């Protein structure tokens, strides 16, 4: 039976870059689970790479067909944006997987597959550095959404609180102070979980 590794962390913690480097490691041979969203595509994003982009009607159809493993809705300054994971990409009899998720998504998917299948990888960065990274990323957009950036930053403080991490059973935290070293640490951890020697 395969495993699913769920990379989590607050916004601008480096989780997207870590995720991409783990996927690029042929020794791990991990398949992607790409989340879906109803939010607008950002500059530089490619459908089917960072997210699958859906309309509300398409999401409703997936729900009706029973393909939604978890669904989250966020009231943003631009309206309600939904993020979700489907079961359509997963075959644990054949592959091991890597996904990016929130703590809420992790909990719901763990409830579907069990803690022996879903393995958390929580990445953390000092808040001042994280805020600087988020601001630089937003400035690079053709239409920066600074209010939404601030909302996400503050929401992450609550969403990934120490109490919520403890309640989810997440005790191993990877401090992303130097990216290459962090990727090496996580790679070795995954290799141990997959019993790759």
Protein backbone atom coordinates (compact mmCIF):
# COMPACT_ATOMS: atom_id res chain seq x y z
CA UNK A 1 0.00 0.00 0.00
CA UNK A 2 1.34 3.42 -0.96
CA UNK A 3 1.76 6.49 1.19
CA UNK A 4 0.71 10.11 0.75
CA UNK A 5 3.10 12.79 2.00
CA UNK A 6 1.35 16.06 2.78
CA UNK A 7 3.57 19.18 2.77
CA UNK A 8 2.13 21.91 4.97
CA UNK A 9 3.14 25.31 6.23
CA UNK A 10 2.07 28.90 6.47
CA UNK A 11 2.04 31.05 3.33
CA UNK A 12 5.53 31.97 2.07
CA UNK A 13 7.18 29.25 4.18
CA UNK A 14 8.86 27.74 1.12
CA UNK A 15 6.57 24.73 0.90
CA UNK A 16 5.92 25.16 -2.85
CA UNK A 17 9.64 25.16 -3.65
CA UNK A 18 10.26 22.19 -1.34
CA UNK A 19 7.36 20.34 -2.95
CA UNK A 20 8.81 20.89 -6.44
CA UNK A 21 12.27 19.71 -5.40
CA UNK A 22 10.88 16.56 -3.78
CA UNK A 23 8.90 15.76 -6.91
CA UNK A 24 12.02 16.23 -9.04
CA UNK A 25 13.96 13.63 -7.02
CA UNK A 26 13.79 10.40 -9.07
CA UNK A 27 14.88 8.29 -6.09
CA UNK A 28 11.61 9.12 -4.30
CA UNK A 29 9.41 8.43 -7.35
CA UNK A 30 6.46 10.41 -5.94
CA UNK A 31 3.36 11.26 -7.97
CA UNK A 32 1.60 14.58 -7.53
CA UNK A 33 -1.83 15.15 -6.08
CA UNK A 34 -2.81 18.49 -7.57
CA UNK A 35 -5.48 20.42 -5.64
CA UNK A 36 -8.43 22.13 -7.24
CA UNK A 37 -9.57 25.68 -6.69
CA UNK A 38 -12.23 28.11 -7.82
CA UNK A 39 -10.01 31.15 -7.27
CA UNK A 40 -8.68 33.10 -10.28
CA UNK A 41 -5.42 31.95 -11.77
CA UNK A 42 -2.38 34.05 -10.77
CA UNK A 43 0.26 35.38 -13.09
CA UNK A 44 2.88 32.68 -13.67
CA UNK A 45 0.57 29.77 -12.76
CA UNK A 46 -0.23 26.99 -15.22
CA UNK A 47 -3.45 24.97 -14.98
CA UNK A 48 -2.65 21.42 -13.90
CA UNK A 49 0.68 22.43 -12.35
CA UNK A 50 -0.02 24.41 -9.18
CA UNK A 51 -3.80 23.82 -9.25
CA UNK A 52 -6.61 22.61 -11.42
CA UNK A 53 -8.90 25.62 -11.87
CA UNK A 54 -12.64 24.93 -11.75
CA UNK A 55 -15.85 26.85 -12.06
CA UNK A 56 -18.46 26.57 -9.31
CA UNK A 57 -20.58 24.42 -11.65
CA UNK A 58 -17.71 22.01 -12.25
CA UNK A 59 -17.09 21.74 -8.51
CA UNK A 60 -20.78 21.02 -7.91
CA UNK A 61 -20.59 18.20 -10.48
CA UNK A 62 -17.54 16.65 -8.77
CA UNK A 63 -19.36 16.77 -5.42
CA UNK A 64 -22.44 15.12 -6.92
CA UNK A 65 -20.26 12.32 -8.31
CA UNK A 66 -18.63 11.74 -4.89
CA UNK A 67 -15.08 12.66 -5.93
CA UNK A 68 -14.35 15.30 -3.25
CA UNK A 69 -12.11 14.12 -0.37
CA UNK A 70 -11.99 17.51 1.33
CA UNK A 71 -13.26 21.01 0.59
CA UNK A 72 -12.47 24.36 2.18
CA UNK A 73 -14.08 27.74 1.48
CA UNK A 74 -12.46 31.05 2.36
CA UNK A 75 -14.15 34.42 2.50
CA UNK A 76 -11.58 36.68 0.84
CA UNK A 77 -11.67 40.37 -0.03
CA UNK A 78 -12.45 39.19 -3.58
CA UNK A 79 -15.30 36.82 -2.68
CA UNK A 80 -15.43 33.16 -1.68
CA UNK A 81 -12.54 31.04 -2.95
CA UNK A 82 -12.75 27.27 -2.61
CA UNK A 83 -9.91 24.76 -2.46
CA UNK A 84 -10.35 21.00 -2.58
CA UNK A 85 -8.82 17.58 -3.20
CA UNK A 86 -10.38 14.89 -5.37
CA UNK A 87 -9.86 11.13 -5.36
CA UNK A 88 -9.50 10.97 -9.15
CA UNK A 89 -5.67 11.07 -9.14
CA UNK A 90 -5.00 8.50 -6.39
CA UNK A 91 -4.20 4.78 -6.76
CA UNK A 92 -2.34 3.67 -3.61
CA UNK A 93 -1.93 0.17 -4.96
CA UNK A 94 0.46 1.53 -7.58
CA UNK A 95 2.04 4.80 -6.39
CA UNK A 96 3.24 6.91 -3.47
CA UNK A 97 2.10 10.54 -3.59
CA UNK A 98 3.08 14.06 -2.63
CA UNK A 99 0.62 16.87 -2.03
CA UNK A 100 0.47 20.35 -0.55
CA UNK A 101 -2.31 21.01 1.93
CA UNK A 102 -3.58 22.95 4.87
CA UNK A 103 -3.87 21.50 8.35
CA UNK A 104 -7.62 21.23 7.81
CA UNK A 105 -7.13 19.37 4.52
CA UNK A 106 -4.59 17.07 6.16
CA UNK A 107 -7.08 16.16 8.89
CA UNK A 108 -9.89 15.37 6.47
CA UNK A 109 -7.72 13.30 4.13
CA UNK A 110 -6.15 11.47 7.10
CA UNK A 111 -9.69 10.57 8.17
CA UNK A 112 -10.28 9.07 4.69
CA UNK A 113 -7.05 7.05 4.42
CA UNK A 114 -5.73 6.71 7.99
CA UNK A 115 -2.55 7.97 9.69
CA UNK A 116 -0.51 5.03 8.42
CA UNK A 117 -1.08 6.26 4.83
CA UNK A 118 -1.07 10.06 5.21
CA UNK A 119 2.30 11.36 6.47
CA UNK A 120 2.60 15.04 7.51
CA UNK A 121 5.58 17.19 6.51
CA UNK A 122 5.26 20.51 8.31
CA UNK A 123 7.59 23.36 7.23
CA UNK A 124 8.11 26.48 9.32
CA UNK A 125 9.85 29.85 8.76
CA UNK A 126 10.34 32.80 11.10
CA UNK A 127 7.38 35.18 10.67
CA UNK A 128 9.37 38.28 9.70
CA UNK A 129 11.11 36.46 6.87
CA UNK A 130 7.83 34.88 5.81
CA UNK A 131 6.14 38.30 5.61
CA UNK A 132 9.01 39.70 3.54
CA UNK A 133 8.75 36.78 1.10
CA UNK A 134 4.97 37.17 0.81
CA UNK A 135 5.30 40.89 0.07
CA UNK A 136 7.96 40.31 -2.61
CA UNK A 137 5.80 37.65 -4.26
CA UNK A 138 2.74 39.89 -4.26
CA UNK A 139 4.68 42.83 -5.71
CA UNK A 140 5.62 40.65 -8.69
CA UNK A 141 1.95 40.19 -9.66
CA UNK A 142 0.49 42.40 -12.41
CA UNK A 143 -2.34 43.28 -10.00
CA UNK A 144 -1.05 42.85 -6.44
CA UNK A 145 -3.68 41.90 -3.87
CA UNK A 146 -2.07 43.20 -0.69
CA UNK A 147 -5.23 43.04 1.42
CA UNK A 148 -5.64 39.34 0.60
CA UNK A 149 -1.95 38.75 1.35
CA UNK A 150 -2.41 40.30 4.80
CA UNK A 151 -5.58 38.29 5.44
CA UNK A 152 -3.75 35.05 4.59
CA UNK A 153 -0.78 35.94 6.78
CA UNK A 154 -2.99 36.57 9.80
CA UNK A 155 -5.24 33.58 9.12
CA UNK A 156 -2.20 31.30 9.02
CA UNK A 157 -1.31 32.32 12.59
CA UNK A 158 -4.60 30.82 13.75
CA UNK A 159 -4.78 27.94 11.26
CA UNK A 160 -1.32 26.60 12.18
CA UNK A 161 -1.32 27.44 15.88
CA UNK A 162 0.74 25.21 18.18
CA UNK A 163 -2.50 23.93 19.72
CA UNK A 164 -3.91 22.88 16.33
CA UNK A 165 -0.65 21.24 15.30
CA UNK A 166 -0.61 19.27 18.56
CA UNK A 167 -4.27 18.27 18.14
CA UNK A 168 -3.45 16.95 14.64
CA UNK A 169 -0.59 14.90 16.08
CA UNK A 170 2.10 16.87 14.24
CA UNK A 171 5.24 16.96 16.35
CA UNK A 172 7.98 16.87 13.70
CA UNK A 173 8.67 20.38 12.35
CA UNK A 174 11.17 21.11 9.58
CA UNK A 175 12.68 24.58 10.09
CA UNK A 176 13.29 26.07 6.64
CA UNK A 177 16.26 28.28 7.50
CA UNK A 178 18.33 27.09 4.52
CA UNK A 179 16.39 25.59 1.62
CA UNK A 180 18.86 22.95 0.38
CA UNK A 181 19.46 21.62 3.88
CA UNK A 182 15.72 21.49 4.57
CA UNK A 183 15.08 19.58 1.35
CA UNK A 184 17.82 17.08 2.28
CA UNK A 185 16.29 16.55 5.73
CA UNK A 186 12.81 16.00 4.32
CA UNK A 187 14.13 13.70 1.57
CA UNK A 188 15.84 11.50 4.15
CA UNK A 189 12.68 11.42 6.24
CA UNK A 190 10.58 10.34 3.24
CA UNK A 191 13.15 7.69 2.29
CA UNK A 192 12.89 6.31 5.84
CA UNK A 193 9.09 6.24 5.65
CA UNK A 194 9.21 4.43 2.28
CA UNK A 195 12.03 2.15 3.51
CA UNK A 196 14.32 3.24 0.66
CA UNK A 197 17.91 2.49 1.62
